[in-house]
Amino acid sequence: DIVTAEDLLKLPSLTRDEYRNWIEEEEKKSSFEEKRYLRASTSGSSAEPLVFYKYPEDNASDIANLYRTVLTQPDKRFPLFKGKTMAMMVSDSQTGSFVQRLGFFRTRQCLAMKPAQELYKAFSEFKPDFLYGMKPAVVELALYILENDRKIKKPEYVASIGADLSDEERKVIEKAFGKSRVFDMYGSTEVGNFAHEHVDRPHHYVIWHDTHVVNVVDDDGNSMRTGIGQILVTPLFHRAFPLVNYQLNDYVEIAESKGVPYIKKIAGRNNDQIRNADGSYYTWLVIDRVTKNLPGVLYCQVRQTSFEELDFYLVENKGKCIGREETERVLRERCQMYFTNGEKQTRFHWTDYIPVDKNGKRKLVVSEIVS
């Protein structure tokens, strides 16, 4: 009965809570310790971190897919065996395997939440051919290089992960590291990477249909070929705990090119919500219309302090902003247009930095309303 990608939708989707319960049940079994599991954990961006397990070959598949993002770029500049890769994620490690100590597949990991000057120090010492990391860390490193006029050995490729790369952020990264080097990749700790851009084609995420089955569905669970919906992922090479129709809790915009699906935009998380007093709420789809395309605004974060009050925290891309007063006027008008369930009082705070979470990500919406 399961022949096509859409056929998988005959089966129920798997939530993170269901996955967590399944793992906890398996941990209690006497045979659990006999398995060849490697322990892994998510960053906890949507809730508490999720501890799960993979086979060594599952992990090898994830590593291969990481290198796939650079090996399938159109100009093929990355030297696979001798190339150096630096990651700015949620772990910090300088140890290497025997093969790496011989000069092959050399890697360096830095904690993404470190200050930009420390990231720069590690970057300048290691001189990677491939640099990737959580989006805020990549942008902060690029800003540090530009603001301090640092001369660098440019990597062959620079990749962002963890959230959709805006046009303003992409311009900053390209200015620091060079054009035709920057791309975004998409995945999660549980399912691995499964889509990425090419450096010459932004906003076109090629899906790896040979390693992952991707479905996008509307709110009723119906398959979508175009438009914005929730994404379900089935990794074909994770054998330890096989995931079917796993809910990433993300909205994406799906499209087609010559009949082949691709992701046009990573829209946002379905728990990004602004709430109303009557129990209703605005999802990311509405919030995006309010906050997108603000010329010269590098970051925007909305904090809801009450049902009637919204605080906008804004970081200006220096010298590129249309003006603070004009930006605030645009945001007020958009709030009136899209937040129609009761008036929202807006306050604006211009700042040099918006802190990231402990998982290295920077949320679009932060709500102080206790559900």
Protein backbone atom coordinates (compact mmCIF):
# COMPACT_ATOMS: atom_id res chain seq x y z
CA ASP A 1 0.00 0.00 0.00
CA ILE A 2 2.98 2.33 0.41
CA VAL A 3 4.39 3.13 -3.03
CA THR A 4 4.61 6.90 -3.31
CA ALA A 5 5.47 9.67 -0.90
CA GLU A 6 1.80 10.60 -0.60
CA ASP A 7 0.97 6.99 0.35
CA LEU A 8 2.81 7.52 3.64
CA LEU A 9 0.00 9.91 4.61
CA LYS A 10 -2.22 6.84 5.00
CA LEU A 11 -0.24 6.30 8.21
CA PRO A 12 -0.51 8.58 11.25
CA SER A 13 2.05 11.29 11.87
CA LEU A 14 4.46 11.06 14.80
CA THR A 15 4.72 13.90 17.31
CA ARG A 16 7.76 14.70 19.41
CA ASP A 17 5.90 13.74 22.61
CA GLU A 18 4.97 10.35 21.11
CA TYR A 19 8.59 9.85 20.05
CA ARG A 20 9.76 10.72 23.57
CA ASN A 21 7.31 8.22 25.13
CA TRP A 22 8.42 5.50 22.72
CA ILE A 23 12.08 6.03 23.64
CA GLU A 24 11.34 5.99 27.37
CA GLU A 25 9.45 2.70 26.98
CA GLU A 26 12.38 1.13 25.10
CA GLU A 27 14.87 2.31 27.74
CA LYS A 28 13.04 0.24 30.35
CA LYS A 29 13.49 -3.03 28.43
CA SER A 30 16.26 -5.39 29.50
CA SER A 31 17.48 -5.72 25.91
CA PHE A 32 18.09 -1.97 25.57
CA GLU A 33 21.67 -2.10 26.87
CA GLU A 34 22.54 -4.74 24.26
CA LYS A 35 21.85 -2.37 21.39
CA ARG A 36 24.65 -0.52 19.57
CA TYR A 37 23.07 2.85 20.25
CA LEU A 38 24.76 6.23 20.14
CA ARG A 39 23.13 8.76 22.43
CA ALA A 40 21.98 12.07 20.88
CA SER A 41 19.96 15.07 22.01
CA THR A 42 18.08 17.94 20.39
CA SER A 43 18.80 21.56 21.31
CA GLY A 44 15.41 22.03 22.96
CA SER A 45 14.27 24.89 20.70
CA SER A 46 10.59 23.97 20.94
CA ALA A 47 10.50 22.50 24.46
CA GLU A 48 12.78 20.49 26.74
CA PRO A 49 15.62 18.70 24.92
CA LEU A 50 14.76 15.30 23.46
CA VAL A 51 17.21 12.48 24.17
CA PHE A 52 17.18 9.77 21.50
CA TYR A 53 19.39 7.04 20.05
CA LYS A 54 20.97 6.19 16.70
CA TYR A 55 22.98 3.34 15.28
CA PRO A 56 26.54 4.18 14.18
CA GLU A 57 25.45 3.77 10.55
CA ASP A 58 22.56 6.22 11.16
CA ASN A 59 25.13 8.73 12.38
CA ALA A 60 27.37 8.01 9.39
CA SER A 61 24.44 8.80 7.09
CA ASP A 62 23.95 12.16 8.81
CA ILE A 63 27.65 13.02 8.43
CA ALA A 64 27.59 12.02 4.76
CA ASN A 65 24.57 14.25 4.20
CA LEU A 66 26.41 17.17 5.80
CA TYR A 67 29.21 16.86 3.25
CA ARG A 68 26.64 16.40 0.52
CA THR A 69 25.64 20.05 0.94
CA VAL A 70 29.05 21.16 -0.38
CA LEU A 71 29.85 18.28 -2.74
CA THR A 72 26.69 18.95 -4.78
CA GLN A 73 27.29 22.68 -5.17
CA PRO A 74 27.55 23.60 -8.87
CA ASP A 75 31.18 24.82 -8.73
CA LYS A 76 32.44 21.87 -6.62
CA ARG A 77 35.22 23.74 -4.84
CA PHE A 78 35.37 21.77 -1.60
CA PRO A 79 38.39 19.44 -1.24
CA LEU A 80 36.68 16.48 0.44
CA PHE A 81 39.59 14.55 1.96
CA LYS A 82 41.91 17.45 2.82
CA GLY A 83 39.25 20.11 3.39
CA LYS A 84 38.75 21.59 6.86
CA THR A 85 35.25 21.99 8.30
CA MET A 86 34.34 24.29 11.18
CA ALA A 87 30.96 24.04 12.93
CA MET A 88 29.35 26.61 15.23
CA MET A 89 26.63 24.59 16.89
CA VAL A 90 25.64 23.65 20.46
CA SER A 91 28.77 21.71 21.35
CA ASP A 92 32.42 22.67 21.73
CA SER A 93 35.08 20.09 20.85
CA GLN A 94 38.63 20.16 19.51
CA THR A 95 39.41 16.46 19.69
CA GLY A 96 39.90 14.53 16.46
CA SER A 97 40.04 10.94 15.29
CA PHE A 98 43.20 9.17 14.16
CA VAL A 99 42.28 9.83 10.51
CA GLN A 100 41.79 13.53 11.26
CA ARG A 101 45.16 13.74 13.00
CA LEU A 102 46.68 12.46 9.76
CA GLY A 103 45.21 15.49 8.00
CA PHE A 104 42.01 14.05 6.51
CA PHE A 105 38.42 15.19 7.18
CA ARG A 106 39.65 17.75 9.72
CA THR A 107 36.91 19.36 11.79
CA ARG A 108 36.59 21.93 14.55
CA GLN A 109 33.49 22.54 16.67
CA CYS A 110 32.76 25.78 18.54
CA LEU A 111 29.88 26.66 20.81
CA ALA A 112 27.56 28.90 18.80
CA MET A 113 26.69 31.04 21.85
CA LYS A 114 30.27 32.20 22.36
CA PRO A 115 31.04 35.92 21.86
CA ALA A 116 31.79 36.88 18.27
CA GLN A 117 35.43 37.68 19.03
CA GLU A 118 35.99 34.14 20.34
CA LEU A 119 34.33 32.65 17.27
CA TYR A 120 36.57 34.83 15.12
CA LYS A 121 39.68 33.70 17.00
CA ALA A 122 38.82 30.04 16.39
CA PHE A 123 37.92 30.76 12.76
CA SER A 124 41.13 32.69 12.03
CA GLU A 125 43.30 30.02 13.64
CA PHE A 126 41.62 27.05 11.93
CA LYS A 127 41.04 28.67 8.49
CA PRO A 128 38.22 26.32 7.43
CA ASP A 129 37.29 25.50 3.85
CA PHE A 130 33.69 24.93 4.95
CA LEU A 131 32.10 26.97 7.73
CA TYR A 132 28.60 26.22 8.96
CA GLY A 133 26.57 26.90 12.07
CA MET A 134 23.47 28.24 13.76
CA LYS A 135 22.27 31.29 11.85
CA PRO A 136 22.83 33.86 14.65
CA ALA A 137 26.43 32.70 15.11
CA VAL A 138 27.18 32.92 11.38
CA VAL A 139 25.68 36.42 11.14
CA GLU A 140 27.43 37.65 14.32
CA LEU A 141 30.78 36.37 13.06
CA ALA A 142 30.21 38.12 9.71
CA LEU A 143 29.31 41.38 11.48
CA TYR A 144 32.41 41.16 13.67
CA ILE A 145 34.62 40.73 10.60
CA LEU A 146 33.00 43.72 8.85
CA GLU A 147 32.87 46.07 11.83
CA ASN A 148 36.51 45.39 12.75
CA ASP A 149 37.73 45.35 9.14
CA ARG A 150 39.36 41.96 9.58
CA LYS A 151 41.23 40.37 6.70
CA ILE A 152 40.40 36.68 6.42
CA LYS A 153 41.11 33.59 4.40
CA LYS A 154 37.69 33.08 2.87
CA PRO A 155 36.10 29.64 3.15
CA GLU A 156 34.97 27.96 -0.03
CA TYR A 157 31.46 27.70 1.45
CA VAL A 158 29.51 29.21 4.35
CA ALA A 159 26.23 27.61 5.43
CA SER A 160 23.53 28.66 7.86
CA ILE A 161 21.23 26.29 9.71
CA GLY A 162 18.45 26.56 12.27
CA ALA A 163 16.17 29.17 10.68
CA ASP A 164 15.38 30.68 7.30
CA LEU A 165 18.11 33.03 6.08
CA SER A 166 16.63 36.47 5.35
CA ASP A 167 17.85 38.63 2.47
CA GLU A 168 19.35 41.16 4.92
CA GLU A 169 21.27 38.43 6.74
CA ARG A 170 22.45 36.90 3.48
CA LYS A 171 23.82 40.28 2.33
CA VAL A 172 25.84 40.64 5.55
CA ILE A 173 27.32 37.14 5.25
CA GLU A 174 28.16 37.63 1.58
CA LYS A 175 29.82 40.97 2.29
CA ALA A 176 32.08 39.34 4.88
CA PHE A 177 32.86 36.06 3.15
CA GLY A 178 32.17 36.71 -0.55
CA LYS A 179 29.35 35.93 -2.96
CA SER A 180 28.71 32.52 -4.51
CA ARG A 181 29.78 30.93 -1.21
CA VAL A 182 26.69 31.27 1.01
CA PHE A 183 23.79 28.84 1.26
CA ASP A 184 21.18 27.67 3.75
CA MET A 185 20.57 24.08 4.76
CA TYR A 186 17.57 22.52 6.43
CA GLY A 187 17.18 19.63 8.82
CA SER A 188 16.83 18.67 12.47
CA THR A 189 18.80 16.64 14.97
CA GLU A 190 16.23 13.84 14.86
CA VAL A 191 16.01 13.37 11.07
CA GLY A 192 19.34 14.88 9.93
CA ASN A 193 19.78 17.32 7.05
CA PHE A 194 17.49 16.67 4.13
CA ALA A 195 17.46 19.84 1.98
CA HIS A 196 19.79 22.67 1.02
CA GLU A 197 20.21 25.63 -1.32
CA HIS A 198 22.78 25.97 -4.07
CA VAL A 199 25.00 29.03 -3.82
CA ASP A 200 23.68 30.35 -7.13
CA ARG A 201 20.01 29.70 -6.35
CA PRO A 202 18.74 31.07 -3.02
CA HIS A 203 15.17 30.31 -1.89
CA HIS A 204 15.26 26.96 -3.68
CA TYR A 205 15.95 24.13 -1.24
CA VAL A 206 16.70 20.90 -3.10
CA ILE A 207 15.09 18.01 -1.21
CA TRP A 208 17.09 14.77 -1.00
CA HIS A 209 14.31 12.48 -2.12
CA ASP A 210 16.66 9.46 -2.07
CA THR A 211 17.32 9.71 1.69
CA HIS A 212 14.14 11.34 3.06
CA VAL A 213 10.47 11.33 2.19
CA VAL A 214 9.00 14.79 2.65
CA ASN A 215 5.30 15.60 2.71
CA VAL A 216 3.70 18.98 3.27
CA VAL A 217 0.10 18.99 4.51
CA ASP A 218 -2.59 21.55 5.25
CA ASP A 219 -4.30 21.85 8.64
CA ASP A 220 -6.62 18.96 7.71
CA GLY A 221 -3.73 16.65 6.83
CA ASN A 222 -4.23 16.82 3.07
CA SER A 223 -1.15 16.65 0.85
CA MET A 224 -0.02 19.93 -0.73
CA ARG A 225 2.07 20.33 -3.88
CA THR A 226 2.24 24.12 -3.65
CA GLY A 227 1.67 26.64 -0.84
CA ILE A 228 2.46 26.87 2.87
CA GLY A 229 1.77 23.95 5.15
CA GLN A 230 3.23 21.77 7.89
CA ILE A 231 6.12 19.49 7.00
CA LEU A 232 6.32 15.76 7.78
CA VAL A 233 9.62 13.91 7.27
CA THR A 234 10.42 10.21 7.01
CA PRO A 235 14.20 9.56 7.06
CA LEU A 236 14.97 6.36 5.13
CA PHE A 237 18.38 5.75 6.73
CA HIS A 238 17.58 6.04 10.43
CA ARG A 239 17.10 2.41 11.43
CA ALA A 240 17.45 2.50 15.22
CA PHE A 241 14.15 4.29 15.83
CA PRO A 242 12.47 4.52 12.42
CA LEU A 243 10.51 7.75 12.12
CA VAL A 244 7.45 7.89 9.88
CA ASN A 245 5.73 11.21 9.11
CA TYR A 246 7.68 12.92 11.87
CA GLN A 247 6.33 16.37 12.75
CA LEU A 248 9.11 18.97 12.74
CA ASN A 249 6.55 21.57 13.91
CA ASP A 250 7.60 23.80 11.03
CA TYR A 251 5.66 25.57 8.32
CA VAL A 252 7.33 25.51 4.90
CA GLU A 253 6.38 26.81 1.49
CA ILE A 254 6.43 23.97 -1.04
CA ALA A 255 6.67 24.44 -4.80
CA GLU A 256 7.51 22.42 -7.91
CA SER A 257 10.11 22.70 -10.65
CA LYS A 258 9.55 20.43 -13.66
CA GLY A 259 7.28 18.28 -11.51
CA VAL A 260 9.86 17.83 -8.72
CA PRO A 261 8.95 19.27 -5.27
CA TYR A 262 11.35 21.69 -3.61
CA ILE A 263 11.11 23.96 -0.58
CA LYS A 264 10.82 27.65 -1.42
CA LYS A 265 10.86 28.98 2.13
CA ILE A 266 11.23 27.67 5.66
CA ALA A 267 8.31 29.61 6.99
CA GLY A 268 8.51 29.26 10.77
CA ARG A 269 7.50 27.20 13.77
CA ASN A 270 3.86 26.41 14.40
CA ASN A 271 4.26 27.35 18.08
CA ASP A 272 5.21 30.94 17.17
CA GLN A 273 1.96 32.53 18.35
CA ILE A 274 0.59 35.87 19.50
CA ARG A 275 -2.39 35.26 21.73
CA ASN A 276 -5.70 37.04 22.25
CA ALA A 277 -7.78 37.33 25.42
CA ASP A 278 -10.60 35.16 23.99
CA GLY A 279 -8.27 32.18 23.52
CA SER A 280 -7.66 32.69 19.81
CA TYR A 281 -4.17 33.36 18.48
CA TYR A 282 -2.22 34.51 15.45
CA THR A 283 0.16 31.95 13.94
CA TRP A 284 3.51 32.50 12.30
CA LEU A 285 1.73 33.01 8.96
CA VAL A 286 0.23 36.28 10.23
CA ILE A 287 3.27 37.35 12.25
CA ASP A 288 5.47 36.97 9.17
CA ARG A 289 3.31 39.42 7.22
CA VAL A 290 3.86 41.99 9.94
CA THR A 291 7.62 41.57 10.34
CA LYS A 292 8.97 40.62 6.90
CA ASN A 293 10.66 42.90 4.34
CA LEU A 294 11.76 45.69 6.67
CA PRO A 295 14.62 47.30 4.70
CA GLY A 296 17.78 47.56 6.75
CA VAL A 297 16.42 45.66 9.76
CA LEU A 298 18.74 42.76 10.47
CA TYR A 299 16.72 41.15 13.27
CA CYS A 300 13.21 41.64 14.57
CA GLN A 301 11.81 39.95 17.67
CA VAL A 302 8.27 40.37 19.00
CA ARG A 303 7.69 39.97 22.73
CA GLN A 304 4.14 39.74 24.02
CA THR A 305 3.87 41.02 27.59
CA SER A 306 0.06 40.98 27.77
CA PHE A 307 -2.88 40.31 25.48
CA GLU A 308 -2.92 43.98 24.46
CA GLU A 309 0.81 44.82 24.42
CA LEU A 310 3.56 43.98 21.95
CA ASP A 311 7.20 45.01 22.20
CA PHE A 312 9.25 45.03 19.00
CA TYR A 313 13.01 44.65 19.43
CA LEU A 314 14.89 45.73 16.32
CA VAL A 315 18.52 45.51 15.25
CA GLU A 316 19.49 47.89 12.47
CA ASN A 317 21.77 46.91 9.62
CA LYS A 318 23.83 50.04 9.96
CA GLY A 319 23.63 52.41 7.02
CA LYS A 320 20.94 50.34 5.27
CA CYS A 321 17.80 51.16 7.28
CA ILE A 322 15.01 53.25 5.73
CA GLY A 323 14.91 55.15 9.03
CA ARG A 324 13.69 54.21 12.46
CA GLU A 325 10.59 56.40 12.40
CA GLU A 326 9.57 55.06 8.99
CA THR A 327 10.14 51.48 10.11
CA GLU A 328 8.00 52.01 13.21
CA ARG A 329 5.24 53.60 11.10
CA VAL A 330 5.22 50.57 8.77
CA LEU A 331 5.02 48.16 11.70
CA ARG A 332 2.14 50.08 13.33
CA GLU A 333 0.17 50.02 10.09
CA ARG A 334 0.77 46.32 9.62
CA CYS A 335 -0.28 45.55 13.20
CA GLN A 336 -3.55 47.42 12.64
CA MET A 337 -4.10 45.58 9.37
CA TYR A 338 -3.37 42.01 10.50
CA PHE A 339 -4.02 41.95 14.28
CA THR A 340 -7.75 42.60 14.04
CA ASN A 341 -8.91 40.84 17.22
CA GLY A 342 -8.57 43.73 19.67
CA GLU A 343 -6.12 46.61 19.43
CA LYS A 344 -2.48 45.83 20.14
CA GLN A 345 -0.40 48.55 21.75
CA THR A 346 3.05 48.61 20.17
CA ARG A 347 6.37 49.71 21.65
CA PHE A 348 9.65 49.79 19.76
CA HIS A 349 13.13 49.17 21.14
CA TRP A 350 16.19 49.68 18.94
CA THR A 351 19.14 47.68 20.20
CA ASP A 352 22.55 46.49 19.06
CA TYR A 353 21.93 42.87 20.01
CA ILE A 354 19.08 40.46 20.69
CA PRO A 355 20.23 37.53 22.88
CA VAL A 356 20.03 34.00 21.52
CA ASP A 357 18.57 31.07 23.42
CA LYS A 358 20.73 28.36 24.98
CA ASN A 359 20.19 26.33 21.81
CA GLY A 360 21.88 28.97 19.68
CA LYS A 361 18.67 30.15 18.02
CA ARG A 362 16.94 33.51 18.11
CA LYS A 363 13.14 33.31 18.33
CA LEU A 364 10.85 35.49 16.27
CA VAL A 365 8.16 35.50 18.99
CA VAL A 366 8.62 35.43 22.76
CA SER A 367 5.45 35.29 24.83
CA GLU A 368 5.36 36.13 28.52
CA ILE A 369 1.72 35.07 28.79
CA VAL A 370 1.39 31.88 30.83
CA SER A 371 -0.94 29.44 29.09
